[in-house]
């Protein structure tokens, strides 16, 4: 089953080309959404906030336990985790605040 022409236009708008494999078109398992949207702004804000909270928690653990982080042979200094903790914590706070708005 192929996707509708609307789905192909949506993929093209996002810069995702249609894949052709052995003469059959494939849209990387993207199906068009029909009817209601599956996620509203409150749900999105809450889910994003949980993710940012987990990132902040990871940085707290790194700072508290003294974990070392190495990215491509570069030892990431601890101050990077302080900055990332502030940013992720702020984004989590704002997201939770936004998800509680009426």
N, C-alpha and C. Protein backbone atom coordinates (compact mmCIF):
# COMPACT_ATOMS: atom_id res chain seq x y z
N UNK A 1 0.84 -1.18 0.00
CA UNK A 1 0.00 0.00 0.00
C UNK A 1 0.88 1.23 0.00
N UNK A 2 0.61 2.12 -0.90
CA UNK A 2 1.35 3.36 -0.95
C UNK A 2 0.66 4.45 -0.16
N UNK A 3 1.42 5.45 0.19
CA UNK A 3 0.86 6.58 0.93
C UNK A 3 0.13 7.49 -0.04
N UNK A 4 -0.71 8.32 0.50
CA UNK A 4 -1.50 9.22 -0.33
C UNK A 4 -0.61 10.30 -0.93
N UNK A 5 -1.09 10.97 -1.99
CA UNK A 5 -0.31 12.07 -2.57
C UNK A 5 -0.04 13.17 -1.57
N UNK A 6 -0.94 13.36 -0.61
CA UNK A 6 -0.73 14.38 0.43
C UNK A 6 0.49 14.03 1.26
N UNK A 7 0.66 12.75 1.59
CA UNK A 7 1.83 12.33 2.37
C UNK A 7 3.11 12.58 1.59
N UNK A 8 3.09 12.32 0.28
CA UNK A 8 4.28 12.56 -0.52
C UNK A 8 4.62 14.05 -0.55
N UNK A 9 3.60 14.90 -0.66
CA UNK A 9 3.85 16.34 -0.65
C UNK A 9 4.40 16.78 0.70
N UNK A 10 3.88 16.21 1.79
CA UNK A 10 4.37 16.55 3.12
C UNK A 10 5.82 16.14 3.29
N UNK A 11 6.17 14.96 2.79
CA UNK A 11 7.55 14.51 2.87
C UNK A 11 8.47 15.40 2.05
N UNK A 12 8.01 15.78 0.87
CA UNK A 12 8.81 16.64 0.02
C UNK A 12 9.01 18.01 0.67
N UNK A 13 7.99 18.50 1.39
CA UNK A 13 8.10 19.79 2.06
C UNK A 13 9.15 19.74 3.16
N UNK A 14 9.32 18.58 3.79
CA UNK A 14 10.32 18.42 4.85
C UNK A 14 11.67 18.00 4.29
N UNK A 15 11.77 17.87 2.99
CA UNK A 15 13.04 17.51 2.37
C UNK A 15 13.34 16.03 2.43
N UNK A 16 12.30 15.19 2.66
CA UNK A 16 12.50 13.74 2.71
C UNK A 16 12.12 13.18 1.35
N UNK A 17 13.09 12.69 0.61
CA UNK A 17 12.77 12.19 -0.73
C UNK A 17 12.05 10.85 -0.65
N UNK A 18 11.29 10.59 -1.66
CA UNK A 18 10.62 9.29 -1.78
C UNK A 18 11.68 8.27 -2.19
N UNK A 19 11.70 7.15 -1.51
CA UNK A 19 12.66 6.10 -1.83
C UNK A 19 12.04 5.12 -2.81
N UNK A 20 12.81 4.71 -3.78
CA UNK A 20 12.33 3.71 -4.72
C UNK A 20 13.22 2.48 -4.57
N UNK A 21 12.59 1.38 -4.14
CA UNK A 21 13.32 0.14 -3.92
C UNK A 21 12.68 -0.95 -4.76
N UNK A 22 13.41 -1.50 -5.66
CA UNK A 22 12.95 -2.59 -6.53
C UNK A 22 11.63 -2.23 -7.22
N UNK A 23 11.52 -1.01 -7.67
CA UNK A 23 10.34 -0.59 -8.41
C UNK A 23 9.15 -0.21 -7.55
N UNK A 24 9.23 -0.38 -6.23
CA UNK A 24 8.12 -0.01 -5.35
C UNK A 24 8.51 1.23 -4.56
N UNK A 25 7.57 2.12 -4.42
CA UNK A 25 7.88 3.33 -3.67
C UNK A 25 7.71 3.07 -2.17
N UNK A 26 8.58 3.69 -1.41
CA UNK A 26 8.58 3.53 0.04
C UNK A 26 8.80 4.90 0.65
N UNK A 27 8.05 5.23 1.68
CA UNK A 27 8.19 6.54 2.31
C UNK A 27 8.73 6.41 3.72
N UNK A 28 9.63 5.51 3.95
CA UNK A 28 10.29 5.30 5.23
C UNK A 28 9.28 5.12 6.36
N UNK A 29 8.24 4.36 6.09
CA UNK A 29 7.22 4.00 7.06
C UNK A 29 6.47 5.21 7.63
N UNK A 30 6.36 6.26 6.84
CA UNK A 30 5.60 7.44 7.26
C UNK A 30 4.19 7.30 6.73
N UNK A 31 3.23 7.35 7.60
CA UNK A 31 1.84 7.26 7.17
C UNK A 31 1.15 8.58 7.46
N UNK A 32 0.24 8.98 6.62
CA UNK A 32 -0.45 10.24 6.85
C UNK A 32 -1.36 10.16 8.07
N UNK A 33 -1.43 11.26 8.80
CA UNK A 33 -2.30 11.34 9.97
C UNK A 33 -3.69 11.70 9.50
N UNK A 34 -4.67 10.95 9.95
CA UNK A 34 -6.04 11.24 9.58
C UNK A 34 -6.83 11.54 10.84
N UNK A 35 -7.68 12.53 10.80
CA UNK A 35 -8.50 12.87 11.95
C UNK A 35 -7.77 13.77 12.91
N UNK A 36 -7.99 13.54 14.19
CA UNK A 36 -7.41 14.37 15.25
C UNK A 36 -5.90 14.21 15.31
N UNK A 37 -5.23 15.26 15.79
CA UNK A 37 -3.80 15.16 16.05
C UNK A 37 -3.60 14.29 17.27
N UNK A 38 -2.56 13.52 17.29
CA UNK A 38 -2.36 12.59 18.38
C UNK A 38 -1.71 13.24 19.60
N UNK A 39 -1.19 14.47 19.46
CA UNK A 39 -0.55 15.11 20.60
C UNK A 39 -0.88 16.60 20.58
N UNK A 40 -1.41 17.09 21.70
CA UNK A 40 -1.69 18.52 21.78
C UNK A 40 -0.51 19.24 22.45
N UNK A 41 -0.63 20.55 22.62
CA UNK A 41 0.48 21.34 23.15
C UNK A 41 0.82 20.96 24.59
N UNK A 42 -0.18 20.67 25.40
CA UNK A 42 0.08 20.29 26.79
C UNK A 42 0.86 18.98 26.87
N UNK A 43 0.44 18.00 26.08
CA UNK A 43 1.12 16.71 26.09
C UNK A 43 2.55 16.85 25.58
N UNK A 44 2.73 17.60 24.51
CA UNK A 44 4.07 17.81 23.97
C UNK A 44 4.96 18.49 25.00
N UNK A 45 4.45 19.54 25.66
CA UNK A 45 5.24 20.25 26.66
C UNK A 45 5.64 19.33 27.80
N UNK A 46 4.71 18.47 28.23
CA UNK A 46 5.00 17.56 29.32
C UNK A 46 6.07 16.54 28.93
N UNK A 47 5.93 15.96 27.74
CA UNK A 47 6.90 14.95 27.28
C UNK A 47 8.28 15.58 27.10
N UNK A 48 8.33 16.75 26.50
CA UNK A 48 9.61 17.44 26.31
C UNK A 48 10.24 17.79 27.66
N UNK A 49 9.42 18.18 28.62
CA UNK A 49 9.93 18.52 29.95
C UNK A 49 10.52 17.30 30.65
N UNK A 50 9.87 16.17 30.51
CA UNK A 50 10.41 14.94 31.12
C UNK A 50 11.77 14.61 30.51
N UNK A 51 11.89 14.76 29.20
CA UNK A 51 13.17 14.48 28.54
C UNK A 51 14.25 15.44 29.03
N UNK A 52 13.93 16.74 29.12
CA UNK A 52 14.90 17.71 29.61
C UNK A 52 15.25 17.45 31.08
N UNK A 53 14.27 17.00 31.86
CA UNK A 53 14.54 16.67 33.25
C UNK A 53 15.50 15.49 33.36
N UNK A 54 15.35 14.50 32.50
CA UNK A 54 16.27 13.36 32.50
C UNK A 54 17.69 13.79 32.10
N UNK A 55 17.77 14.69 31.14
CA UNK A 55 19.09 15.21 30.74
C UNK A 55 19.72 15.97 31.91
N UNK A 56 18.93 16.80 32.59
CA UNK A 56 19.44 17.53 33.75
C UNK A 56 19.88 16.56 34.84
N UNK A 57 19.11 15.51 35.07
CA UNK A 57 19.46 14.51 36.07
C UNK A 57 20.78 13.82 35.72
N UNK A 58 20.98 13.54 34.45
CA UNK A 58 22.26 12.95 34.01
C UNK A 58 23.44 13.86 34.32
N UNK A 59 23.26 15.17 34.14
CA UNK A 59 24.34 16.11 34.44
C UNK A 59 24.55 16.23 35.95
N UNK A 60 23.48 16.16 36.73
CA UNK A 60 23.62 16.18 38.19
C UNK A 60 24.41 14.96 38.65
N UNK A 61 24.09 13.80 38.08
CA UNK A 61 24.82 12.58 38.44
C UNK A 61 26.29 12.69 38.05
N UNK A 62 26.55 13.25 36.87
CA UNK A 62 27.95 13.41 36.43
C UNK A 62 28.70 14.31 37.39
N UNK A 63 28.07 15.41 37.80
CA UNK A 63 28.73 16.33 38.72
C UNK A 63 28.91 15.72 40.10
N UNK A 64 27.88 15.03 40.60
CA UNK A 64 27.93 14.47 41.96
C UNK A 64 28.89 13.28 42.06
N UNK A 65 28.92 12.45 41.04
CA UNK A 65 29.73 11.24 41.10
C UNK A 65 31.09 11.38 40.43
N UNK A 66 31.33 12.53 39.80
CA UNK A 66 32.62 12.77 39.17
C UNK A 66 32.88 11.96 37.93
N UNK A 67 31.81 11.61 37.21
CA UNK A 67 31.98 10.85 35.98
C UNK A 67 32.74 11.67 34.94
N UNK A 68 33.59 10.99 34.21
CA UNK A 68 34.33 11.65 33.14
C UNK A 68 33.59 11.40 31.82
N UNK A 69 33.60 12.41 30.97
CA UNK A 69 32.97 12.29 29.65
C UNK A 69 34.03 12.60 28.59
N UNK A 70 34.11 11.74 27.60
CA UNK A 70 35.06 11.94 26.50
C UNK A 70 34.29 11.88 25.20
N UNK A 71 34.45 12.93 24.39
CA UNK A 71 33.79 13.00 23.09
C UNK A 71 34.87 13.15 22.03
N UNK A 72 35.01 12.11 21.22
CA UNK A 72 35.98 12.13 20.12
C UNK A 72 37.38 12.51 20.61
N UNK A 73 37.84 11.84 21.66
CA UNK A 73 39.17 12.04 22.25
C UNK A 73 39.31 13.37 22.98
N UNK A 74 38.21 14.07 23.25
CA UNK A 74 38.24 15.34 23.98
C UNK A 74 37.58 15.13 25.33
N UNK A 75 38.31 15.38 26.39
CA UNK A 75 37.76 15.24 27.74
C UNK A 75 36.89 16.47 28.02
N UNK A 76 35.60 16.23 28.21
CA UNK A 76 34.66 17.32 28.43
C UNK A 76 34.84 17.83 29.87
N UNK A 77 35.12 19.12 30.04
CA UNK A 77 35.30 19.65 31.39
C UNK A 77 33.98 19.66 32.18
N UNK A 78 34.10 19.68 33.49
CA UNK A 78 32.92 19.65 34.35
C UNK A 78 32.06 20.91 34.21
N UNK A 79 32.65 22.04 33.87
CA UNK A 79 31.87 23.26 33.75
C UNK A 79 30.83 23.15 32.64
N UNK A 80 31.07 22.29 31.65
CA UNK A 80 30.10 22.09 30.58
C UNK A 80 28.82 21.47 31.15
N UNK A 81 28.98 20.58 32.12
CA UNK A 81 27.80 19.98 32.75
C UNK A 81 27.04 21.00 33.59
N UNK A 82 27.75 21.95 34.20
CA UNK A 82 27.05 23.00 34.95
C UNK A 82 26.18 23.83 34.01
N UNK A 83 26.75 24.21 32.88
CA UNK A 83 25.99 25.01 31.90
C UNK A 83 24.82 24.19 31.36
N UNK A 84 25.08 22.94 31.00
CA UNK A 84 24.02 22.08 30.46
C UNK A 84 22.93 21.83 31.51
N UNK A 85 23.32 21.70 32.78
CA UNK A 85 22.35 21.53 33.86
C UNK A 85 21.44 22.74 33.97
N UNK A 86 22.00 23.93 33.90
CA UNK A 86 21.19 25.15 33.97
C UNK A 86 20.22 25.23 32.79
N UNK A 87 20.72 24.95 31.60
CA UNK A 87 19.87 25.04 30.41
C UNK A 87 18.78 23.98 30.43
N UNK A 88 19.15 22.72 30.67
CA UNK A 88 18.15 21.65 30.68
C UNK A 88 17.16 21.83 31.83
N UNK A 89 17.64 22.26 32.98
CA UNK A 89 16.74 22.51 34.11
C UNK A 89 15.75 23.61 33.81
N UNK A 90 16.22 24.69 33.19
CA UNK A 90 15.33 25.79 32.84
C UNK A 90 14.29 25.34 31.82
N UNK A 91 14.72 24.60 30.80
CA UNK A 91 13.78 24.13 29.79
C UNK A 91 12.76 23.16 30.38
N UNK A 92 13.18 22.31 31.31
CA UNK A 92 12.24 21.39 31.97
C UNK A 92 11.24 22.18 32.81
N UNK A 93 11.72 23.15 33.56
CA UNK A 93 10.84 23.98 34.39
C UNK A 93 9.80 24.71 33.54
N UNK A 94 10.26 25.35 32.48
CA UNK A 94 9.34 26.09 31.61
C UNK A 94 8.35 25.16 30.92
N UNK A 95 8.81 23.99 30.52
CA UNK A 95 7.92 23.04 29.88
C UNK A 95 6.84 22.54 30.82
N UNK A 96 7.23 22.23 32.07
CA UNK A 96 6.23 21.80 33.04
C UNK A 96 5.24 22.92 33.35
N UNK A 97 5.76 24.15 33.42
CA UNK A 97 4.88 25.30 33.66
C UNK A 97 3.91 25.48 32.50
N UNK A 98 4.40 25.32 31.29
CA UNK A 98 3.55 25.48 30.12
C UNK A 98 2.51 24.34 30.03
N UNK A 99 2.89 23.14 30.44
CA UNK A 99 1.95 22.02 30.36
C UNK A 99 0.83 22.11 31.40
N UNK A 100 1.01 22.93 32.41
CA UNK A 100 -0.02 23.07 33.44
C UNK A 100 -0.97 24.22 33.17
N UNK A 101 -0.67 25.04 32.16
CA UNK A 101 -1.56 26.17 31.83
C UNK A 101 -2.90 25.66 31.31
N UNK A 102 -3.96 26.38 31.68
CA UNK A 102 -5.31 25.94 31.19
C UNK A 102 -5.50 26.16 29.71
